[in-house]
Structures are given as C-alpha cells and as structure tokens.
Amino acid sequence: MKNLLKISLVGLLLYTIYYDLNIGTLPQPTTASVQKIENPREIKSEQQMTYKEAAVQSGDTVLTIIEKLNGELTVSINKVVQDFEQLNHGTKPEHIQPGKTYKFPIYP
C-alpha cells in the first residue's frame, strides 16, 4: 500500500512538472488585452526610432543584444519588446533565429 502511494505521488509530481513546462501555469494574455490603439503621432515618432542592425548568434536573446548595444537598460522590458516588434515588422522576440540580422532599438 505504501509503495502504491509513493508511485502515485511520483507520478503526480512528474505530471505537474510536464504540465508546467509545456503549458504553463500563468494565464496568457488575450488578444483583446494586448491590442493597443495608437494615434498617428505616436506611430510617426516611433518610426524615426534609432536602431542598429545586428546578427543573432546562437544563445543570444533580444535583451542580451540590446544590453550589449546600450549598456544597462534604462527602459522597461515591455517597451523593448514593443520597439523590437515594430522595427522588425511584428517579429516576436522569442522567434529570432541565429544567423539572421534584426533591427535593435538604441536608447539614449
């Protein structure tokens, strides 16, 4: 009986780890909460954003590359993600590929 309980607990633990890694336990934002209506003046000023093109190496992330280019980050991560997506025509930071070149925002 004790062995059955131990096996059940180990199975539950493994399933919990599997579920957390594959699906996650944090709620994903819905498209309605992510969409932002921007006025034309904001878009125009963001289109004139300073950026630098850089090739992605294996193991790089958007944040590590931006920190290399800017030094210590002075803006929020959400701002970095929005600027990166805008400069790269909607490419998500998690979808960058090694060997490709992307535009990375430069912050003063």
C-alpha atoms as a PDB file:
ATOM      1  CA  MET A   1       0.000   0.000   0.000  1.00  0.00           C
ATOM      2  CA  LYS A   2       2.858   2.393   0.820  1.00  0.00           C
ATOM      3  CA  ASN A   3       4.541   1.618  -2.496  1.00  0.00           C
ATOM      4  CA  LEU A   4       1.337   2.445  -4.392  1.00  0.00           C
ATOM      5  CA  LEU A   5       1.095   5.787  -2.586  1.00  0.00           C
ATOM      6  CA  LYS A   6       4.740   6.575  -3.378  1.00  0.00           C
ATOM      7  CA  ILE A   7       4.280   5.700  -7.049  1.00  0.00           C
ATOM      8  CA  SER A   8       1.135   7.839  -7.211  1.00  0.00           C
ATOM      9  CA  LEU A   9       2.914  10.834  -5.657  1.00  0.00           C
ATOM     10  CA  VAL A  10       5.890  10.493  -8.008  1.00  0.00           C
ATOM     11  CA  GLY A  11       3.506  10.240 -10.970  1.00  0.00           C
ATOM     12  CA  LEU A  12       1.624  13.336  -9.826  1.00  0.00           C
ATOM     13  CA  LEU A  13       4.893  15.228  -9.400  1.00  0.00           C
ATOM     14  CA  LEU A  14       6.115  14.247 -12.887  1.00  0.00           C
ATOM     15  CA  TYR A  15       2.788  15.205 -14.459  1.00  0.00           C
ATOM     16  CA  THR A  16       2.868  18.588 -12.684  1.00  0.00           C
ATOM     17  CA  ILE A  17       6.375  19.298 -13.970  1.00  0.00           C
ATOM     18  CA  TYR A  18       5.394  18.212 -17.503  1.00  0.00           C
ATOM     19  CA  TYR A  19       2.275  20.403 -17.454  1.00  0.00           C
ATOM     20  CA  ASP A  20       4.174  23.430 -16.128  1.00  0.00           C
ATOM     21  CA  LEU A  21       6.928  23.169 -18.746  1.00  0.00           C
ATOM     22  CA  ASN A  22       4.656  22.545 -21.744  1.00  0.00           C
ATOM     23  CA  ILE A  23       1.519  24.532 -20.977  1.00  0.00           C
ATOM     24  CA  GLY A  24       2.470  26.778 -18.081  1.00  0.00           C
ATOM     25  CA  THR A  25       0.580  27.882 -15.041  1.00  0.00           C
ATOM     26  CA  LEU A  26       0.460  31.618 -15.715  1.00  0.00           C
ATOM     27  CA  PRO A  27      -2.523  32.893 -17.691  1.00  0.00           C
ATOM     28  CA  GLN A  28      -1.704  34.026 -21.221  1.00  0.00           C
ATOM     29  CA  PRO A  29      -2.909  37.491 -22.209  1.00  0.00           C
ATOM     30  CA  THR A  30      -5.847  37.515 -24.560  1.00  0.00           C
ATOM     31  CA  THR A  31      -5.652  39.378 -27.822  1.00  0.00           C
ATOM     32  CA  ALA A  32      -8.137  41.934 -26.542  1.00  0.00           C
ATOM     33  CA  SER A  33      -5.885  42.909 -23.628  1.00  0.00           C
ATOM     34  CA  VAL A  34      -2.763  43.033 -25.799  1.00  0.00           C
ATOM     35  CA  GLN A  35      -4.130  45.213 -28.575  1.00  0.00           C
ATOM     36  CA  LYS A  36      -3.327  48.868 -28.197  1.00  0.00           C
ATOM     37  CA  ILE A  37      -4.849  51.656 -30.208  1.00  0.00           C
ATOM     38  CA  GLU A  38      -2.175  54.161 -31.097  1.00  0.00           C
ATOM     39  CA  ASN A  39      -2.669  57.609 -32.510  1.00  0.00           C
ATOM     40  CA  PRO A  40      -0.795  58.565 -35.689  1.00  0.00           C
ATOM     41  CA  ARG A  41       1.594  60.953 -33.876  1.00  0.00           C
ATOM     42  CA  GLU A  42       2.935  58.139 -31.701  1.00  0.00           C
ATOM     43  CA  ILE A  43       3.479  55.893 -34.707  1.00  0.00           C
ATOM     44  CA  LYS A  44       5.271  58.630 -36.622  1.00  0.00           C
ATOM     45  CA  SER A  45       7.656  59.370 -33.756  1.00  0.00           C
ATOM     46  CA  GLU A  46       8.349  55.663 -33.236  1.00  0.00           C
ATOM     47  CA  GLN A  47       9.116  55.166 -36.929  1.00  0.00           C
ATOM     48  CA  GLN A  48      12.004  57.602 -36.518  1.00  0.00           C
ATOM     49  CA  MET A  49      13.446  55.476 -33.722  1.00  0.00           C
ATOM     50  CA  THR A  50      17.201  54.992 -33.632  1.00  0.00           C
ATOM     51  CA  TYR A  51      18.241  51.395 -34.203  1.00  0.00           C
ATOM     52  CA  LYS A  52      21.208  49.267 -35.097  1.00  0.00           C
ATOM     53  CA  GLU A  53      21.184  46.082 -37.125  1.00  0.00           C
ATOM     54  CA  ALA A  54      22.909  43.089 -35.592  1.00  0.00           C
ATOM     55  CA  ALA A  55      23.234  39.428 -36.468  1.00  0.00           C
ATOM     56  CA  VAL A  56      21.980  36.985 -33.858  1.00  0.00           C
ATOM     57  CA  GLN A  57      24.447  34.426 -32.544  1.00  0.00           C
ATOM     58  CA  SER A  58      23.440  31.088 -31.057  1.00  0.00           C
ATOM     59  CA  GLY A  59      22.294  31.622 -27.448  1.00  0.00           C
ATOM     60  CA  ASP A  60      21.548  35.342 -27.883  1.00  0.00           C
ATOM     61  CA  THR A  61      18.269  36.885 -26.787  1.00  0.00           C
ATOM     62  CA  VAL A  62      16.826  40.256 -27.684  1.00  0.00           C
ATOM     63  CA  LEU A  63      17.611  41.540 -24.194  1.00  0.00           C
ATOM     64  CA  THR A  64      21.244  40.404 -24.228  1.00  0.00           C
ATOM     65  CA  ILE A  65      21.844  42.022 -27.613  1.00  0.00           C
ATOM     66  CA  ILE A  66      20.155  45.281 -26.578  1.00  0.00           C
ATOM     67  CA  GLU A  67      22.184  45.337 -23.358  1.00  0.00           C
ATOM     68  CA  LYS A  68      25.379  44.878 -25.418  1.00  0.00           C
ATOM     69  CA  LEU A  69      24.393  47.781 -27.677  1.00  0.00           C
ATOM     70  CA  ASN A  70      23.031  50.130 -24.979  1.00  0.00           C
ATOM     71  CA  GLY A  71      24.809  49.146 -21.797  1.00  0.00           C
ATOM     72  CA  GLU A  72      22.497  48.995 -18.803  1.00  0.00           C
ATOM     73  CA  LEU A  73      18.817  49.024 -19.797  1.00  0.00           C
ATOM     74  CA  THR A  74      17.050  52.286 -18.899  1.00  0.00           C
ATOM     75  CA  VAL A  75      13.588  51.440 -20.256  1.00  0.00           C
ATOM     76  CA  SER A  76      11.047  48.773 -19.354  1.00  0.00           C
ATOM     77  CA  ILE A  77      11.167  45.331 -20.916  1.00  0.00           C
ATOM     78  CA  ASN A  78       7.676  45.892 -22.332  1.00  0.00           C
ATOM     79  CA  LYS A  79       8.962  48.978 -24.186  1.00  0.00           C
ATOM     80  CA  VAL A  80      11.902  46.972 -25.543  1.00  0.00           C
ATOM     81  CA  VAL A  81       9.556  44.242 -26.809  1.00  0.00           C
ATOM     82  CA  GLN A  82       7.196  46.764 -28.447  1.00  0.00           C
ATOM     83  CA  ASP A  83      10.061  48.638 -30.118  1.00  0.00           C
ATOM     84  CA  PHE A  84      11.695  45.419 -31.350  1.00  0.00           C
ATOM     85  CA  GLU A  85       8.422  44.148 -32.826  1.00  0.00           C
ATOM     86  CA  GLN A  86       7.778  47.481 -34.533  1.00  0.00           C
ATOM     87  CA  LEU A  87      11.262  47.686 -36.038  1.00  0.00           C
ATOM     88  CA  ASN A  88      11.090  44.088 -37.289  1.00  0.00           C
ATOM     89  CA  HIS A  89       7.565  44.095 -38.739  1.00  0.00           C
ATOM     90  CA  GLY A  90       5.889  42.179 -35.913  1.00  0.00           C
ATOM     91  CA  THR A  91       8.593  39.574 -35.309  1.00  0.00           C
ATOM     92  CA  LYS A  92       8.264  38.347 -31.727  1.00  0.00           C
ATOM     93  CA  PRO A  93      11.481  38.422 -29.654  1.00  0.00           C
ATOM     94  CA  GLU A  94      11.113  34.732 -28.860  1.00  0.00           C
ATOM     95  CA  HIS A  95      11.105  33.882 -32.584  1.00  0.00           C
ATOM     96  CA  ILE A  96      14.512  35.280 -33.502  1.00  0.00           C
ATOM     97  CA  GLN A  97      16.805  32.855 -35.308  1.00  0.00           C
ATOM     98  CA  PRO A  98      20.587  32.535 -35.116  1.00  0.00           C
ATOM     99  CA  GLY A  99      22.380  33.778 -38.213  1.00  0.00           C
ATOM    100  CA  LYS A 100      19.669  36.276 -39.180  1.00  0.00           C
ATOM    101  CA  THR A 101      20.014  40.040 -38.873  1.00  0.00           C
ATOM    102  CA  TYR A 102      17.442  42.104 -36.979  1.00  0.00           C
ATOM    103  CA  LYS A 103      16.994  45.754 -36.042  1.00  0.00           C
ATOM    104  CA  PHE A 104      17.529  46.503 -32.352  1.00  0.00           C
ATOM    105  CA  PRO A 105      16.446  49.804 -30.765  1.00  0.00           C
ATOM    106  CA  ILE A 106      19.056  52.163 -29.351  1.00  0.00           C
ATOM    107  CA  TYR A 107      18.049  54.126 -26.265  1.00  0.00           C
ATOM    108  CA  PRO A 108      19.686  57.386 -25.154  1.00  0.00           C
END
